[in-house]
Protein backbone atom coordinates (compact mmCIF):
# COMPACT_ATOMS: atom_id res chain seq x y z
CA MET A 1 11.80 2.04 -44.31
CA PRO A 2 9.73 4.43 -42.11
CA PHE A 3 6.87 2.18 -42.11
CA SER A 4 8.81 -0.76 -40.61
CA ALA A 5 10.17 1.51 -37.86
CA LEU A 6 6.77 2.73 -37.10
CA SER A 7 5.27 -0.80 -37.11
CA LYS A 8 8.15 -1.87 -34.79
CA PHE A 9 7.42 1.06 -32.40
CA PHE A 10 3.64 0.04 -32.13
CA LYS A 11 4.46 -3.62 -31.48
CA ASP A 12 6.88 -2.85 -28.74
CA GLU A 13 5.07 -3.66 -25.41
CA SER A 14 8.03 -3.14 -23.09
CA GLY A 15 6.68 0.18 -21.82
CA ALA A 16 3.21 -1.37 -21.27
CA THR A 17 4.71 -3.84 -19.01
CA ALA A 18 6.37 -1.32 -16.98
CA ILE A 19 3.16 0.55 -16.62
CA GLU A 20 1.36 -2.44 -15.53
CA TYR A 21 4.04 -3.15 -12.73
CA GLY A 22 3.72 0.51 -11.55
CA LEU A 23 -0.11 0.09 -11.35
CA ILE A 24 0.36 -3.10 -9.29
CA ALA A 25 2.80 -1.44 -6.89
CA ALA A 26 0.41 1.51 -6.52
CA LEU A 27 -2.47 -0.82 -5.59
CA VAL A 28 -0.39 -2.74 -3.22
CA SER A 29 0.68 0.43 -1.48
CA VAL A 30 -2.81 1.66 -1.15
CA ALA A 31 -4.00 -1.66 0.34
CA ALA A 32 -1.06 -1.73 2.77
CA ILE A 33 -1.80 1.79 3.95
CA ALA A 34 -5.40 1.09 4.49
CA ALA A 35 -4.61 -2.10 6.41
CA LEU A 36 -1.87 -0.49 8.66
CA THR A 37 -4.25 2.51 9.34
CA GLY A 38 -6.97 0.18 10.58
CA MET A 39 -4.50 -1.89 12.52
CA GLY A 40 -2.98 1.30 14.06
CA GLU A 41 -6.39 2.42 15.42
CA SER A 42 -7.06 -0.95 16.85
CA LEU A 43 -3.60 -0.90 18.61
CA THR A 44 -4.15 2.54 20.05
CA THR A 45 -7.40 1.36 21.58
CA MET A 46 -5.79 -1.70 23.13
CA PHE A 47 -2.89 0.17 24.61
CA GLU A 48 -5.32 2.93 26.09
CA THR A 49 -7.30 0.07 27.66
CA VAL A 50 -4.17 -1.49 29.19
CA ASP A 51 -3.01 1.92 30.32
CA THR A 52 -6.32 2.59 32.07
CA GLU A 53 -6.25 -0.83 33.74
CA LEU A 54 -2.72 -0.52 34.93
CA THR A 55 -3.29 3.07 36.24
CA SER A 56 -6.37 1.91 38.18
CA ALA A 57 -4.57 -1.18 39.49
CA VAL A 58 -1.70 0.94 40.90
CA THR A 59 -3.84 3.76 42.33
CA PRO A 60 -5.18 2.92 45.75
């Protein structure tokens, strides 16, 4: 009886699936943070350029 319960425990893969989904979610999160960080720096540069151009256009 204990052997069959132990065997059933080792064959159960439901926990492994949850861990795999967790690892995938973590990887997607890291990729999203990296992409948004890079895009944020690009947007900051773009808005600073627009601000400089508008300021120089308005100032006589």
